[in-house]
Amino acid sequence: MRRLIFLLAFLVPAVLLAVAFYMEYVMGLEPCPLCWLQRFAFMAVGLVGLIALLHNPGNVMGRVYGLLLAVFAGVGVGLAGRQLWLQSLPPDQVPACGPSVEYMLEVFPLMDVLMTAMRGTGDCAVVSWRFLGLSIPGWTAVFFVLIILAGLAILFGAVRSRRSQGWMN
């Protein structure tokens, strides 16, 4: 069961990133700075899922991977929550739109780009796509919460490996 969770922790972000790139390059939706950061959070979750799947850890390391999944997904849900908050603001309170991420990376120091991205810009408040009433950050928040729950289930031992005979595995 735990290997299945690690497989899903790799596959779900991979599929969601493929959808994000489809939306960007085929549908023409330009990602905002918070969207980029959420993508990086999904990449981190997917990488942890892949490493854990290939490692097939015992009990202790499995819990470490579960913690990492929950932490990276927690960062992602925080970023998605910030974007949802920006989308809920009245138009007169939305921050000004900023330059593209590509431009900021060329011109500004990396820390300035990260700080601007985490605060969000007016671009982050634009709702350009909805499905079943949720915008893109709404859906990313749902998936991040599911990954947090799976990571916590592994961390607290609700899901164990068959290999895990003792606490040192």
N, C-alpha and C. Protein backbone atom coordinates (compact mmCIF):
# COMPACT_ATOMS: atom_id res chain seq x y z
N MET A 1 0.82 -1.20 0.00
CA MET A 1 0.00 0.00 0.00
C MET A 1 0.87 1.26 0.00
N ARG A 2 1.96 1.24 0.79
CA ARG A 2 2.81 2.41 0.87
C ARG A 2 3.50 2.67 -0.47
N ARG A 3 3.93 1.62 -1.16
CA ARG A 3 4.54 1.80 -2.48
C ARG A 3 3.55 2.39 -3.46
N LEU A 4 2.29 2.02 -3.34
CA LEU A 4 1.26 2.61 -4.20
C LEU A 4 1.14 4.11 -3.93
N ILE A 5 1.20 4.50 -2.67
CA ILE A 5 1.14 5.92 -2.34
C ILE A 5 2.35 6.65 -2.91
N PHE A 6 3.54 6.05 -2.81
CA PHE A 6 4.72 6.68 -3.38
C PHE A 6 4.62 6.78 -4.90
N LEU A 7 4.05 5.75 -5.52
CA LEU A 7 3.84 5.79 -6.98
C LEU A 7 2.89 6.92 -7.34
N LEU A 8 1.80 7.04 -6.59
CA LEU A 8 0.84 8.12 -6.85
C LEU A 8 1.44 9.49 -6.54
N ALA A 9 2.32 9.55 -5.53
CA ALA A 9 2.99 10.82 -5.20
C ALA A 9 3.93 11.25 -6.30
N PHE A 10 4.34 10.31 -7.14
CA PHE A 10 5.13 10.65 -8.31
C PHE A 10 4.22 10.94 -9.51
N LEU A 11 3.25 10.06 -9.76
CA LEU A 11 2.42 10.18 -10.97
C LEU A 11 1.47 11.37 -10.96
N VAL A 12 0.83 11.64 -9.83
CA VAL A 12 -0.14 12.74 -9.77
C VAL A 12 0.53 14.08 -10.08
N PRO A 13 1.65 14.43 -9.42
CA PRO A 13 2.31 15.68 -9.80
C PRO A 13 2.78 15.69 -11.26
N ALA A 14 3.25 14.54 -11.77
CA ALA A 14 3.69 14.48 -13.17
C ALA A 14 2.54 14.80 -14.11
N VAL A 15 1.37 14.22 -13.85
CA VAL A 15 0.20 14.49 -14.68
C VAL A 15 -0.24 15.95 -14.53
N LEU A 16 -0.26 16.45 -13.30
CA LEU A 16 -0.67 17.84 -13.08
C LEU A 16 0.31 18.81 -13.75
N LEU A 17 1.58 18.52 -13.72
CA LEU A 17 2.55 19.38 -14.41
C LEU A 17 2.36 19.31 -15.92
N ALA A 18 2.05 18.13 -16.43
CA ALA A 18 1.76 18.00 -17.87
C ALA A 18 0.53 18.84 -18.24
N VAL A 19 -0.49 18.81 -17.40
CA VAL A 19 -1.68 19.63 -17.63
C VAL A 19 -1.32 21.11 -17.58
N ALA A 20 -0.48 21.50 -16.63
CA ALA A 20 -0.06 22.90 -16.52
C ALA A 20 0.67 23.35 -17.78
N PHE A 21 1.56 22.52 -18.28
CA PHE A 21 2.28 22.88 -19.50
C PHE A 21 1.34 22.89 -20.71
N TYR A 22 0.36 22.00 -20.74
CA TYR A 22 -0.66 22.03 -21.80
C TYR A 22 -1.43 23.36 -21.74
N MET A 23 -1.84 23.73 -20.53
CA MET A 23 -2.58 24.99 -20.39
C MET A 23 -1.72 26.18 -20.82
N GLU A 24 -0.44 26.11 -20.54
CA GLU A 24 0.45 27.22 -20.90
C GLU A 24 0.72 27.27 -22.40
N TYR A 25 1.14 26.15 -22.97
CA TYR A 25 1.61 26.16 -24.35
C TYR A 25 0.54 25.89 -25.39
N VAL A 26 -0.53 25.22 -25.03
CA VAL A 26 -1.59 24.93 -26.00
C VAL A 26 -2.76 25.89 -25.81
N MET A 27 -3.19 26.08 -24.56
CA MET A 27 -4.33 26.96 -24.29
C MET A 27 -3.91 28.43 -24.19
N GLY A 28 -2.62 28.69 -24.04
CA GLY A 28 -2.14 30.06 -24.00
C GLY A 28 -2.31 30.77 -22.66
N LEU A 29 -2.49 30.02 -21.58
CA LEU A 29 -2.61 30.63 -20.25
C LEU A 29 -1.22 30.89 -19.68
N GLU A 30 -0.91 32.13 -19.41
CA GLU A 30 0.40 32.51 -18.89
C GLU A 30 0.44 32.29 -17.37
N PRO A 31 1.40 31.49 -16.86
CA PRO A 31 1.46 31.25 -15.42
C PRO A 31 1.97 32.49 -14.68
N CYS A 32 1.36 32.77 -13.55
CA CYS A 32 1.80 33.88 -12.71
C CYS A 32 2.94 33.40 -11.80
N PRO A 33 3.56 34.31 -11.05
CA PRO A 33 4.66 33.89 -10.16
C PRO A 33 4.24 32.82 -9.14
N LEU A 34 3.05 32.93 -8.56
CA LEU A 34 2.61 31.90 -7.60
C LEU A 34 2.37 30.56 -8.30
N CYS A 35 1.93 30.60 -9.54
CA CYS A 35 1.75 29.36 -10.31
C CYS A 35 3.09 28.65 -10.49
N TRP A 36 4.14 29.43 -10.78
CA TRP A 36 5.47 28.84 -10.93
C TRP A 36 5.92 28.19 -9.63
N LEU A 37 5.71 28.85 -8.53
CA LEU A 37 6.13 28.28 -7.24
C LEU A 37 5.34 27.01 -6.91
N GLN A 38 4.05 27.00 -7.26
CA GLN A 38 3.26 25.78 -7.04
C GLN A 38 3.77 24.65 -7.91
N ARG A 39 4.20 24.96 -9.12
CA ARG A 39 4.80 23.94 -9.98
C ARG A 39 6.05 23.37 -9.33
N PHE A 40 6.88 24.23 -8.75
CA PHE A 40 8.09 23.74 -8.09
C PHE A 40 7.74 22.86 -6.89
N ALA A 41 6.68 23.20 -6.17
CA ALA A 41 6.25 22.36 -5.05
C ALA A 41 5.80 20.99 -5.56
N PHE A 42 5.07 20.96 -6.68
CA PHE A 42 4.67 19.67 -7.26
C PHE A 42 5.90 18.89 -7.74
N MET A 43 6.89 19.59 -8.29
CA MET A 43 8.12 18.91 -8.70
C MET A 43 8.82 18.28 -7.50
N ALA A 44 8.86 18.99 -6.38
CA ALA A 44 9.50 18.46 -5.17
C ALA A 44 8.74 17.24 -4.67
N VAL A 45 7.41 17.30 -4.65
CA VAL A 45 6.60 16.16 -4.21
C VAL A 45 6.84 14.97 -5.13
N GLY A 46 6.82 15.22 -6.44
CA GLY A 46 7.03 14.14 -7.39
C GLY A 46 8.40 13.51 -7.27
N LEU A 47 9.41 14.32 -7.02
CA LEU A 47 10.77 13.81 -6.85
C LEU A 47 10.87 12.94 -5.60
N VAL A 48 10.28 13.40 -4.51
CA VAL A 48 10.27 12.59 -3.28
C VAL A 48 9.53 11.27 -3.53
N GLY A 49 8.39 11.34 -4.21
CA GLY A 49 7.64 10.12 -4.52
C GLY A 49 8.45 9.14 -5.35
N LEU A 50 9.16 9.67 -6.36
CA LEU A 50 9.97 8.80 -7.22
C LEU A 50 11.13 8.18 -6.44
N ILE A 51 11.84 8.98 -5.67
CA ILE A 51 12.97 8.45 -4.89
C ILE A 51 12.48 7.40 -3.90
N ALA A 52 11.37 7.68 -3.22
CA ALA A 52 10.83 6.71 -2.26
C ALA A 52 10.38 5.43 -2.96
N LEU A 53 9.79 5.57 -4.13
CA LEU A 53 9.35 4.40 -4.88
C LEU A 53 10.54 3.53 -5.27
N LEU A 54 11.59 4.17 -5.77
CA LEU A 54 12.78 3.42 -6.19
C LEU A 54 13.54 2.85 -4.99
N HIS A 55 13.56 3.58 -3.89
CA HIS A 55 14.27 3.15 -2.69
C HIS A 55 13.56 2.01 -1.98
N ASN A 56 12.22 2.02 -2.02
CA ASN A 56 11.41 1.03 -1.30
C ASN A 56 11.88 0.91 0.14
N PRO A 57 11.74 2.00 0.90
CA PRO A 57 12.34 2.05 2.24
C PRO A 57 11.61 1.18 3.26
N GLY A 58 12.32 0.96 4.35
CA GLY A 58 11.71 0.31 5.50
C GLY A 58 10.88 1.33 6.29
N ASN A 59 10.61 1.01 7.51
CA ASN A 59 9.69 1.81 8.33
C ASN A 59 10.21 3.22 8.62
N VAL A 60 11.44 3.34 9.08
CA VAL A 60 11.95 4.66 9.49
C VAL A 60 12.10 5.58 8.29
N MET A 61 12.78 5.12 7.25
CA MET A 61 12.97 5.96 6.07
C MET A 61 11.64 6.22 5.36
N GLY A 62 10.74 5.27 5.42
CA GLY A 62 9.41 5.49 4.85
C GLY A 62 8.71 6.66 5.53
N ARG A 63 8.88 6.74 6.84
CA ARG A 63 8.29 7.85 7.58
C ARG A 63 8.96 9.18 7.21
N VAL A 64 10.26 9.14 6.96
CA VAL A 64 10.96 10.36 6.53
C VAL A 64 10.40 10.83 5.19
N TYR A 65 10.20 9.89 4.27
CA TYR A 65 9.61 10.26 2.98
C TYR A 65 8.18 10.79 3.16
N GLY A 66 7.43 10.18 4.06
CA GLY A 66 6.09 10.66 4.34
C GLY A 66 6.11 12.09 4.86
N LEU A 67 7.06 12.38 5.75
CA LEU A 67 7.22 13.74 6.27
C LEU A 67 7.57 14.72 5.14
N LEU A 68 8.51 14.33 4.28
CA LEU A 68 8.89 15.19 3.17
C LEU A 68 7.72 15.46 2.23
N LEU A 69 6.92 14.44 1.95
CA LEU A 69 5.73 14.64 1.12
C LEU A 69 4.81 15.67 1.77
N ALA A 70 4.57 15.50 3.06
CA ALA A 70 3.66 16.42 3.77
C ALA A 70 4.22 17.84 3.81
N VAL A 71 5.52 17.98 4.00
CA VAL A 71 6.13 19.32 4.08
C VAL A 71 6.05 20.02 2.73
N PHE A 72 6.49 19.35 1.66
CA PHE A 72 6.47 20.00 0.35
C PHE A 72 5.04 20.30 -0.10
N ALA A 73 4.12 19.39 0.18
CA ALA A 73 2.72 19.65 -0.17
C ALA A 73 2.15 20.76 0.71
N GLY A 74 2.62 20.86 1.97
CA GLY A 74 2.19 21.95 2.84
C GLY A 74 2.62 23.31 2.30
N VAL A 75 3.85 23.37 1.79
CA VAL A 75 4.30 24.60 1.15
C VAL A 75 3.41 24.91 -0.05
N GLY A 76 3.10 23.89 -0.83
CA GLY A 76 2.24 24.08 -2.00
C GLY A 76 0.85 24.56 -1.64
N VAL A 77 0.26 24.00 -0.59
CA VAL A 77 -1.08 24.44 -0.20
C VAL A 77 -1.04 25.87 0.34
N GLY A 78 0.06 26.25 0.98
CA GLY A 78 0.21 27.63 1.42
C GLY A 78 0.26 28.59 0.24
N LEU A 79 1.01 28.22 -0.80
CA LEU A 79 1.11 29.04 -2.00
C LEU A 79 -0.24 29.12 -2.71
N ALA A 80 -0.92 28.00 -2.82
CA ALA A 80 -2.25 27.99 -3.45
C ALA A 80 -3.23 28.82 -2.63
N GLY A 81 -3.14 28.72 -1.31
CA GLY A 81 -4.02 29.52 -0.45
C GLY A 81 -3.78 31.01 -0.63
N ARG A 82 -2.52 31.39 -0.77
CA ARG A 82 -2.20 32.80 -1.01
C ARG A 82 -2.83 33.26 -2.34
N GLN A 83 -2.73 32.44 -3.36
CA GLN A 83 -3.31 32.81 -4.64
C GLN A 83 -4.83 32.86 -4.58
N LEU A 84 -5.43 31.93 -3.88
CA LEU A 84 -6.89 31.96 -3.72
C LEU A 84 -7.32 33.22 -2.97
N TRP A 85 -6.53 33.63 -1.97
CA TRP A 85 -6.83 34.86 -1.25
C TRP A 85 -6.74 36.05 -2.19
N LEU A 86 -5.70 36.11 -3.01
CA LEU A 86 -5.58 37.21 -3.98
C LEU A 86 -6.76 37.22 -4.95
N GLN A 87 -7.21 36.04 -5.34
CA GLN A 87 -8.35 35.96 -6.26
C GLN A 87 -9.65 36.39 -5.61
N SER A 88 -9.71 36.35 -4.29
CA SER A 88 -10.94 36.72 -3.59
C SER A 88 -11.02 38.22 -3.28
N LEU A 89 -9.93 38.94 -3.49
CA LEU A 89 -9.90 40.37 -3.17
C LEU A 89 -10.79 41.17 -4.10
N PRO A 90 -11.38 42.25 -3.58
CA PRO A 90 -12.10 43.17 -4.48
C PRO A 90 -11.10 43.80 -5.45
N PRO A 91 -11.55 44.16 -6.65
CA PRO A 91 -10.62 44.69 -7.67
C PRO A 91 -9.77 45.86 -7.20
N ASP A 92 -10.29 46.71 -6.32
CA ASP A 92 -9.52 47.88 -5.89
C ASP A 92 -8.41 47.51 -4.89
N GLN A 93 -8.42 46.29 -4.37
CA GLN A 93 -7.39 45.88 -3.41
C GLN A 93 -6.36 44.91 -4.00
N VAL A 94 -6.53 44.55 -5.26
CA VAL A 94 -5.60 43.64 -5.91
C VAL A 94 -4.29 44.36 -6.16
N PRO A 95 -3.14 43.73 -5.84
CA PRO A 95 -1.86 44.39 -6.10
C PRO A 95 -1.66 44.63 -7.60
N ALA A 96 -0.75 45.51 -7.90
CA ALA A 96 -0.45 45.81 -9.30
C ALA A 96 0.15 44.60 -9.99
N CYS A 97 -0.07 44.50 -11.27
CA CYS A 97 0.53 43.42 -12.04
C CYS A 97 2.02 43.66 -12.16
N GLY A 98 2.76 42.59 -12.21
CA GLY A 98 4.21 42.69 -12.29
C GLY A 98 4.73 42.15 -13.61
N PRO A 99 6.04 42.22 -13.79
CA PRO A 99 6.63 41.66 -15.01
C PRO A 99 6.58 40.13 -14.98
N SER A 100 6.84 39.52 -16.11
CA SER A 100 6.83 38.06 -16.19
C SER A 100 7.96 37.47 -15.36
N VAL A 101 7.82 36.23 -15.00
CA VAL A 101 8.85 35.54 -14.23
C VAL A 101 10.16 35.49 -15.01
N GLU A 102 10.06 35.22 -16.31
CA GLU A 102 11.27 35.16 -17.14
C GLU A 102 12.02 36.48 -17.09
N TYR A 103 11.31 37.59 -17.21
CA TYR A 103 11.94 38.90 -17.17
C TYR A 103 12.58 39.16 -15.79
N MET A 104 11.83 38.85 -14.73
CA MET A 104 12.37 39.08 -13.39
C MET A 104 13.64 38.26 -13.16
N LEU A 105 13.68 37.02 -13.65
CA LEU A 105 14.87 36.18 -13.48
C LEU A 105 16.07 36.75 -14.23
N GLU A 106 15.81 37.42 -15.34
CA GLU A 106 16.90 38.03 -16.11
C GLU A 106 17.44 39.29 -15.45
N VAL A 107 16.56 40.06 -14.79
CA VAL A 107 16.91 41.39 -14.32
C VAL A 107 17.21 41.46 -12.82
N PHE A 108 16.45 40.74 -12.01
CA PHE A 108 16.54 40.89 -10.56
C PHE A 108 17.33 39.75 -9.92
N PRO A 109 17.88 39.98 -8.73
CA PRO A 109 18.51 38.87 -7.99
C PRO A 109 17.45 37.82 -7.63
N LEU A 110 17.89 36.59 -7.50
CA LEU A 110 16.98 35.47 -7.25
C LEU A 110 16.12 35.68 -6.01
N MET A 111 16.69 36.20 -4.93
CA MET A 111 15.90 36.40 -3.71
C MET A 111 14.78 37.41 -3.93
N ASP A 112 15.04 38.46 -4.71
CA ASP A 112 14.00 39.44 -5.02
C ASP A 112 12.88 38.79 -5.83
N VAL A 113 13.26 37.94 -6.77
CA VAL A 113 12.26 37.24 -7.59
C VAL A 113 11.40 36.34 -6.69
N LEU A 114 12.04 35.59 -5.78
CA LEU A 114 11.29 34.70 -4.89
C LEU A 114 10.36 35.48 -3.97
N MET A 115 10.83 36.59 -3.42
CA MET A 115 9.98 37.39 -2.53
C MET A 115 8.79 37.97 -3.28
N THR A 116 9.02 38.47 -4.49
CA THR A 116 7.93 39.00 -5.30
C THR A 116 6.94 37.89 -5.64
N ALA A 117 7.47 36.73 -6.00
CA ALA A 117 6.60 35.61 -6.37
C ALA A 117 5.75 35.16 -5.19
N MET A 118 6.33 35.11 -3.99
CA MET A 118 5.57 34.65 -2.82
C MET A 118 4.50 35.65 -2.40
N ARG A 119 4.76 36.93 -2.61
CA ARG A 119 3.74 37.94 -2.30
C ARG A 119 2.61 37.87 -3.31
N GLY A 120 2.96 37.54 -4.54
CA GLY A 120 1.97 37.50 -5.61
C GLY A 120 1.80 38.87 -6.23
N THR A 121 1.31 38.88 -7.45
CA THR A 121 1.06 40.12 -8.16
C THR A 121 -0.39 40.13 -8.62
N GLY A 122 -0.76 41.20 -9.29
CA GLY A 122 -2.12 41.27 -9.83
C GLY A 122 -2.41 40.16 -10.81
N ASP A 123 -1.36 39.66 -11.48
CA ASP A 123 -1.54 38.54 -12.40
C ASP A 123 -2.05 37.31 -11.66
N CYS A 124 -1.65 37.16 -10.41
CA CYS A 124 -2.05 35.99 -9.61
C CYS A 124 -3.53 36.06 -9.22
N ALA A 125 -4.13 37.24 -9.29
CA ALA A 125 -5.53 37.39 -8.90
C ALA A 125 -6.48 37.11 -10.06
N VAL A 126 -5.95 36.97 -11.26
CA VAL A 126 -6.78 36.73 -12.44
C VAL A 126 -7.23 35.27 -12.44
N VAL A 127 -8.53 35.06 -12.59
CA VAL A 127 -9.08 33.70 -12.72
C VAL A 127 -9.32 33.49 -14.21
N SER A 128 -8.45 32.69 -14.83
CA SER A 128 -8.54 32.51 -16.27
C SER A 128 -9.14 31.15 -16.66
N TRP A 129 -9.40 30.29 -15.69
CA TRP A 129 -9.93 28.96 -15.98
C TRP A 129 -10.60 28.42 -14.74
N ARG A 130 -11.73 27.77 -14.93
CA ARG A 130 -12.46 27.12 -13.83
C ARG A 130 -12.95 25.76 -14.29
N PHE A 131 -13.00 24.83 -13.33
CA PHE A 131 -13.59 23.52 -13.57
C PHE A 131 -14.36 23.15 -12.31
N LEU A 132 -15.62 22.85 -12.46
CA LEU A 132 -16.51 22.53 -11.34
C LEU A 132 -16.47 23.62 -10.27
N GLY A 133 -16.35 24.86 -10.70
CA GLY A 133 -16.39 25.99 -9.79
C GLY A 133 -15.07 26.36 -9.13
N LEU A 134 -14.03 25.55 -9.33
CA LEU A 134 -12.73 25.84 -8.73
C LEU A 134 -11.76 26.36 -9.78
N SER A 135 -10.97 27.36 -9.40
CA SER A 135 -9.92 27.87 -10.27
C SER A 135 -8.71 26.96 -10.16
N ILE A 136 -7.68 27.26 -10.93
CA ILE A 136 -6.47 26.43 -10.93
C ILE A 136 -5.87 26.30 -9.53
N PRO A 137 -5.68 27.41 -8.78
CA PRO A 137 -5.11 27.21 -7.43
C PRO A 137 -6.06 26.46 -6.49
N GLY A 138 -7.34 26.51 -6.75
CA GLY A 138 -8.28 25.73 -5.95
C GLY A 138 -8.04 24.24 -6.15
N TRP A 139 -7.84 23.84 -7.41
CA TRP A 139 -7.56 22.43 -7.69
C TRP A 139 -6.19 22.02 -7.17
N THR A 140 -5.20 22.91 -7.30
CA THR A 140 -3.88 22.53 -6.77
C THR A 140 -3.95 22.36 -5.26
N ALA A 141 -4.73 23.21 -4.59
CA ALA A 141 -4.88 23.09 -3.14
C ALA A 141 -5.50 21.73 -2.78
N VAL A 142 -6.50 21.30 -3.54
CA VAL A 142 -7.13 20.00 -3.29
C VAL A 142 -6.10 18.88 -3.39
N PHE A 143 -5.30 18.89 -4.46
CA PHE A 143 -4.30 17.84 -4.63
C PHE A 143 -3.21 17.92 -3.58
N PHE A 144 -2.80 19.13 -3.23
CA PHE A 144 -1.79 19.25 -2.16
C PHE A 144 -2.32 18.72 -0.84
N VAL A 145 -3.57 18.99 -0.51
CA VAL A 145 -4.15 18.48 0.74
C VAL A 145 -4.20 16.95 0.73
N LEU A 146 -4.57 16.36 -0.39
CA LEU A 146 -4.59 14.89 -0.49
C LEU A 146 -3.18 14.31 -0.29
N ILE A 147 -2.18 14.98 -0.84
CA ILE A 147 -0.80 14.52 -0.66
C ILE A 147 -0.36 14.68 0.79
N ILE A 148 -0.76 15.78 1.43
CA ILE A 148 -0.46 15.96 2.85
C ILE A 148 -1.05 14.82 3.66
N LEU A 149 -2.29 14.49 3.40
CA LEU A 149 -2.95 13.40 4.15
C LEU A 149 -2.24 12.07 3.94
N ALA A 150 -1.83 11.79 2.70
CA ALA A 150 -1.11 10.55 2.42
C ALA A 150 0.24 10.55 3.13
N GLY A 151 0.95 11.67 3.08
CA GLY A 151 2.25 11.77 3.76
C GLY A 151 2.12 11.59 5.26
N LEU A 152 1.09 12.19 5.84
CA LEU A 152 0.88 12.05 7.28
C LEU A 152 0.49 10.63 7.66
N ALA A 153 -0.29 9.98 6.78
CA ALA A 153 -0.66 8.58 7.05
C ALA A 153 0.59 7.70 7.09
N ILE A 154 1.52 7.96 6.18
CA ILE A 154 2.78 7.21 6.18
C ILE A 154 3.61 7.58 7.41
N LEU A 155 3.71 8.88 7.69
CA LEU A 155 4.52 9.35 8.81
C LEU A 155 4.07 8.74 10.13
N PHE A 156 2.77 8.70 10.36
CA PHE A 156 2.27 8.21 11.64
C PHE A 156 1.96 6.73 11.65
N GLY A 157 2.41 6.02 10.62
CA GLY A 157 2.34 4.57 10.63
C GLY A 157 1.01 3.96 10.27
N ALA A 158 0.08 4.75 9.74
CA ALA A 158 -1.19 4.18 9.32
C ALA A 158 -1.00 3.30 8.09
N VAL A 159 0.04 3.58 7.32
CA VAL A 159 0.37 2.79 6.14
C VAL A 159 1.80 2.31 6.30
N ARG A 160 1.97 1.00 6.33
CA ARG A 160 3.30 0.43 6.54
C ARG A 160 3.71 -0.40 5.33
N SER A 161 5.00 -0.61 5.23
CA SER A 161 5.55 -1.47 4.20
C SER A 161 5.50 -2.91 4.67
N ARG A 162 5.30 -3.83 3.74
CA ARG A 162 5.37 -5.25 4.10
C ARG A 162 6.76 -5.61 4.59
N ARG A 163 7.75 -4.91 4.07
CA ARG A 163 9.14 -5.14 4.43
C ARG A 163 9.42 -4.76 5.87
N SER A 164 8.63 -3.87 6.41
CA SER A 164 8.91 -3.31 7.75
C SER A 164 8.63 -4.33 8.83
N GLN A 165 9.67 -5.03 9.23
CA GLN A 165 9.53 -6.01 10.30
C GLN A 165 9.72 -5.37 11.67
N GLY A 166 10.69 -4.49 11.75
CA GLY A 166 11.01 -3.85 13.02
C GLY A 166 11.14 -2.36 12.83
N TRP A 167 11.44 -1.65 13.86
CA TRP A 167 11.49 -0.19 13.79
C TRP A 167 12.75 0.31 13.09
N MET A 168 13.77 -0.51 12.92
CA MET A 168 15.02 -0.06 12.29
C MET A 168 14.99 -0.21 10.77
N ASN A 169 14.01 -0.82 10.17
CA ASN A 169 13.97 -1.00 8.71
C ASN A 169 13.67 0.28 8.01
